[in-house]
Every structure is written in structure tokens, then in C-alpha cells.
């Protein structure tokens, strides 16, 4: 969570990222990136990145930076 908004997470061997929905199609073309289908249906603006695409500090940092750049424009979840 960054500023009370989902940003980055880990599920098994993949990292989950909240990204700019306008970049969704472009980022899916990157090796190791795939649609987040945790709920059995694709979620635009959310992707999984497989561990083999995160082996170096630079690779990990580049993906995290993508999520952090979108975070200020992302909408926060409604508080319960």
C-alpha cells in the first residue's frame, strides 16, 4: 500500500502491480508480464510479473517504479 492505495504485492512466485490502465497492453508485451486474473477474469490496470523477470535489482526496481508512478493518479478504495 502506498498512500492508502494498492500498489505492489506478492502472490506465490509473482509480483502484482497496479499500473496505469493506458499502459496495460504495452506492458503485457514485456517478458514475464501477464494479466492479473486472480478473480478468474482479467483486471485492466493490474498485472502479474513472474519471478524470472525480476532477477536483478534493476528489473525489480523498474517494475516497482512503474507502479509508483501511477500511484498518485490511482483512486483509493472506499474506507469501510
N, C-alpha and C. Protein backbone atom coordinates (compact mmCIF):
# COMPACT_ATOMS: atom_id res chain seq x y z
N UNK A 1 0.86 -1.17 0.00
CA UNK A 1 0.00 0.00 0.00
C UNK A 1 0.90 1.24 0.00
N UNK A 2 0.53 2.20 -0.81
CA UNK A 2 1.21 3.50 -0.84
C UNK A 2 0.10 4.55 -0.82
N UNK A 3 0.15 5.44 0.15
CA UNK A 3 -0.89 6.48 0.30
C UNK A 3 -2.29 5.86 0.35
N UNK A 4 -2.42 4.77 1.10
CA UNK A 4 -3.68 4.05 1.27
C UNK A 4 -4.25 3.48 -0.03
N UNK A 5 -3.38 3.21 -1.00
CA UNK A 5 -3.81 2.64 -2.28
C UNK A 5 -2.96 1.42 -2.59
N UNK A 6 -3.61 0.36 -3.12
CA UNK A 6 -2.87 -0.82 -3.55
C UNK A 6 -1.85 -0.41 -4.59
N UNK A 7 -0.63 -0.90 -4.44
CA UNK A 7 0.44 -0.54 -5.38
C UNK A 7 1.18 -1.77 -5.86
N UNK A 8 1.75 -2.53 -4.93
CA UNK A 8 2.56 -3.70 -5.25
C UNK A 8 2.27 -4.79 -4.24
N UNK A 9 2.27 -6.03 -4.70
CA UNK A 9 2.07 -7.14 -3.79
C UNK A 9 2.75 -8.39 -4.34
N UNK A 10 2.72 -9.45 -3.56
CA UNK A 10 3.33 -10.71 -3.97
C UNK A 10 2.30 -11.82 -3.79
N UNK A 11 2.21 -12.68 -4.79
CA UNK A 11 1.34 -13.85 -4.72
C UNK A 11 2.14 -15.03 -5.26
N UNK A 12 2.47 -15.94 -4.38
CA UNK A 12 3.30 -17.10 -4.72
C UNK A 12 4.61 -16.62 -5.34
N UNK A 13 4.87 -16.97 -6.61
CA UNK A 13 6.13 -16.59 -7.26
C UNK A 13 5.99 -15.40 -8.20
N UNK A 14 4.96 -14.61 -8.04
CA UNK A 14 4.72 -13.46 -8.92
C UNK A 14 4.53 -12.19 -8.11
N UNK A 15 4.89 -11.09 -8.73
CA UNK A 15 4.63 -9.79 -8.13
C UNK A 15 3.40 -9.20 -8.82
N UNK A 16 2.51 -8.62 -8.05
CA UNK A 16 1.32 -7.97 -8.57
C UNK A 16 1.58 -6.47 -8.55
N UNK A 17 1.20 -5.81 -9.63
CA UNK A 17 1.39 -4.37 -9.73
C UNK A 17 0.11 -3.69 -10.17
N UNK A 18 -0.17 -2.55 -9.58
CA UNK A 18 -1.25 -1.70 -10.06
C UNK A 18 -0.60 -0.68 -10.98
N UNK A 19 -1.05 -0.67 -12.23
CA UNK A 19 -0.41 0.15 -13.25
C UNK A 19 -1.42 1.08 -13.91
N UNK A 20 -0.91 2.02 -14.66
CA UNK A 20 -1.76 2.90 -15.45
C UNK A 20 -2.51 2.05 -16.48
N UNK A 21 -3.83 2.05 -16.46
CA UNK A 21 -4.59 1.22 -17.41
C UNK A 21 -4.26 1.53 -18.87
N UNK A 22 -3.82 2.73 -19.18
CA UNK A 22 -3.47 3.06 -20.56
C UNK A 22 -2.18 2.37 -21.00
N UNK A 23 -1.38 1.88 -20.05
CA UNK A 23 -0.13 1.18 -20.35
C UNK A 23 -0.32 -0.34 -20.34
N UNK A 24 -1.51 -0.80 -20.01
CA UNK A 24 -1.78 -2.23 -19.82
C UNK A 24 -1.31 -3.08 -21.00
N UNK A 25 -1.78 -2.77 -22.20
CA UNK A 25 -1.43 -3.55 -23.38
C UNK A 25 0.06 -3.53 -23.68
N UNK A 26 0.68 -2.39 -23.52
CA UNK A 26 2.12 -2.25 -23.78
C UNK A 26 2.93 -3.09 -22.80
N UNK A 27 2.59 -3.02 -21.53
CA UNK A 27 3.35 -3.76 -20.52
C UNK A 27 3.15 -5.27 -20.65
N UNK A 28 2.00 -5.70 -21.12
CA UNK A 28 1.77 -7.14 -21.30
C UNK A 28 2.70 -7.74 -22.34
N UNK A 29 3.29 -6.91 -23.19
CA UNK A 29 4.22 -7.39 -24.21
C UNK A 29 5.61 -7.65 -23.63
N UNK A 30 5.87 -7.16 -22.41
CA UNK A 30 7.17 -7.37 -21.78
C UNK A 30 7.27 -8.80 -21.26
N UNK A 31 8.45 -9.37 -21.40
CA UNK A 31 8.67 -10.74 -20.96
C UNK A 31 8.37 -10.90 -19.47
N UNK A 32 7.59 -11.90 -19.14
CA UNK A 32 7.26 -12.19 -17.75
C UNK A 32 6.02 -11.49 -17.23
N UNK A 33 5.47 -10.57 -18.00
CA UNK A 33 4.28 -9.83 -17.57
C UNK A 33 3.04 -10.52 -18.14
N UNK A 34 2.03 -10.64 -17.28
CA UNK A 34 0.78 -11.27 -17.73
C UNK A 34 -0.39 -10.61 -17.00
N UNK A 35 -1.57 -10.81 -17.55
CA UNK A 35 -2.76 -10.23 -16.95
C UNK A 35 -3.00 -10.78 -15.56
N UNK A 36 -3.46 -9.93 -14.69
CA UNK A 36 -3.85 -10.39 -13.36
C UNK A 36 -5.25 -10.96 -13.49
N UNK A 37 -5.37 -12.24 -13.24
CA UNK A 37 -6.66 -12.92 -13.36
C UNK A 37 -6.99 -13.65 -12.06
N UNK A 38 -6.64 -13.04 -10.98
CA UNK A 38 -6.82 -13.62 -9.65
C UNK A 38 -8.27 -14.01 -9.41
N UNK A 39 -9.20 -13.24 -9.95
CA UNK A 39 -10.63 -13.50 -9.76
C UNK A 39 -11.21 -14.29 -10.93
N UNK A 40 -10.33 -14.90 -11.73
CA UNK A 40 -10.71 -15.68 -12.92
C UNK A 40 -11.17 -14.81 -14.08
N UNK A 41 -10.95 -13.52 -13.99
CA UNK A 41 -11.21 -12.63 -15.12
C UNK A 41 -10.14 -11.54 -15.09
N UNK A 42 -9.65 -11.13 -16.26
CA UNK A 42 -8.58 -10.14 -16.32
C UNK A 42 -9.01 -8.81 -15.69
N UNK A 43 -8.06 -8.18 -15.04
CA UNK A 43 -8.32 -6.88 -14.41
C UNK A 43 -7.43 -5.84 -15.07
N UNK A 44 -8.01 -4.96 -15.86
CA UNK A 44 -7.24 -3.92 -16.54
C UNK A 44 -6.63 -3.00 -15.48
N UNK A 45 -5.35 -2.70 -15.66
CA UNK A 45 -4.65 -1.85 -14.71
C UNK A 45 -3.97 -2.65 -13.60
N UNK A 46 -4.05 -3.97 -13.67
CA UNK A 46 -3.39 -4.84 -12.70
C UNK A 46 -2.68 -5.93 -13.49
N UNK A 47 -1.42 -6.19 -13.16
CA UNK A 47 -0.67 -7.23 -13.84
C UNK A 47 0.12 -8.06 -12.84
N UNK A 48 0.47 -9.25 -13.26
CA UNK A 48 1.43 -10.09 -12.54
C UNK A 48 2.74 -10.05 -13.33
N UNK A 49 3.85 -10.06 -12.62
CA UNK A 49 5.16 -10.20 -13.24
C UNK A 49 5.80 -11.44 -12.61
N UNK A 50 6.18 -12.37 -13.46
CA UNK A 50 6.77 -13.63 -12.99
C UNK A 50 8.18 -13.40 -12.43
N UNK A 51 8.57 -14.25 -11.50
CA UNK A 51 9.84 -14.08 -10.79
C UNK A 51 11.06 -14.07 -11.72
N UNK A 52 11.01 -14.81 -12.83
CA UNK A 52 12.18 -14.83 -13.72
C UNK A 52 12.43 -13.47 -14.36
N UNK A 53 11.44 -12.60 -14.38
CA UNK A 53 11.60 -11.25 -14.94
C UNK A 53 12.01 -10.24 -13.86
N UNK A 54 12.28 -10.73 -12.65
CA UNK A 54 12.63 -9.86 -11.52
C UNK A 54 13.95 -10.28 -10.88
N UNK A 55 14.81 -10.90 -11.63
CA UNK A 55 16.02 -11.48 -11.05
C UNK A 55 17.07 -10.46 -10.64
N UNK A 56 17.11 -9.31 -11.29
CA UNK A 56 18.11 -8.30 -10.92
C UNK A 56 17.44 -7.16 -10.16
N UNK A 57 18.24 -6.42 -9.41
CA UNK A 57 17.72 -5.25 -8.70
C UNK A 57 17.13 -4.25 -9.67
N UNK A 58 17.75 -4.11 -10.82
CA UNK A 58 17.25 -3.16 -11.82
C UNK A 58 15.88 -3.57 -12.34
N UNK A 59 15.72 -4.86 -12.67
CA UNK A 59 14.43 -5.34 -13.17
C UNK A 59 13.34 -5.11 -12.13
N UNK A 60 13.61 -5.48 -10.90
CA UNK A 60 12.66 -5.29 -9.81
C UNK A 60 12.34 -3.81 -9.65
N UNK A 61 13.36 -2.99 -9.62
CA UNK A 61 13.18 -1.55 -9.44
C UNK A 61 12.39 -0.91 -10.57
N UNK A 62 12.64 -1.35 -11.80
CA UNK A 62 11.90 -0.79 -12.94
C UNK A 62 10.41 -1.07 -12.82
N UNK A 63 10.05 -2.29 -12.45
CA UNK A 63 8.63 -2.63 -12.30
C UNK A 63 8.00 -1.86 -11.13
N UNK A 64 8.68 -1.78 -10.03
CA UNK A 64 8.14 -1.04 -8.89
C UNK A 64 7.96 0.43 -9.25
N UNK A 65 8.89 0.98 -10.00
CA UNK A 65 8.79 2.38 -10.41
C UNK A 65 7.55 2.63 -11.26
N UNK A 66 7.22 1.69 -12.13
CA UNK A 66 6.01 1.81 -12.96
C UNK A 66 4.77 1.93 -12.06
N UNK A 67 4.69 1.09 -11.03
CA UNK A 67 3.55 1.15 -10.11
C UNK A 67 3.55 2.44 -9.31
N UNK A 68 4.72 2.86 -8.84
CA UNK A 68 4.80 4.09 -8.04
C UNK A 68 4.44 5.33 -8.85
N UNK A 69 4.79 5.35 -10.12
CA UNK A 69 4.46 6.50 -10.96
C UNK A 69 2.96 6.64 -11.16
N UNK A 70 2.25 5.52 -11.20
CA UNK A 70 0.80 5.59 -11.36
C UNK A 70 0.09 5.91 -10.05
N UNK A 71 0.67 5.54 -8.93
CA UNK A 71 0.01 5.64 -7.63
C UNK A 71 -0.64 7.00 -7.35
N UNK A 72 0.00 8.13 -7.62
CA UNK A 72 -0.66 9.41 -7.31
C UNK A 72 -1.98 9.62 -8.07
N UNK A 73 -2.13 8.98 -9.22
CA UNK A 73 -3.35 9.12 -10.02
C UNK A 73 -4.38 8.03 -9.74
N UNK A 74 -3.97 6.99 -9.04
CA UNK A 74 -4.89 5.88 -8.73
C UNK A 74 -5.92 6.32 -7.69
N UNK A 75 -7.09 5.75 -7.80
CA UNK A 75 -8.15 6.05 -6.84
C UNK A 75 -8.00 5.14 -5.64
N UNK A 76 -8.18 5.70 -4.47
CA UNK A 76 -8.12 4.91 -3.24
C UNK A 76 -9.41 4.12 -3.06
N UNK A 77 -9.31 2.98 -2.42
CA UNK A 77 -10.50 2.20 -2.10
C UNK A 77 -11.35 2.96 -1.10
N UNK A 78 -12.64 2.70 -1.15
CA UNK A 78 -13.52 3.34 -0.16
C UNK A 78 -13.26 2.73 1.20
N UNK A 79 -13.16 3.57 2.21
CA UNK A 79 -12.93 3.10 3.57
C UNK A 79 -14.21 2.47 4.11
N UNK A 80 -14.03 1.38 4.86
CA UNK A 80 -15.19 0.70 5.46
C UNK A 80 -15.51 1.29 6.79
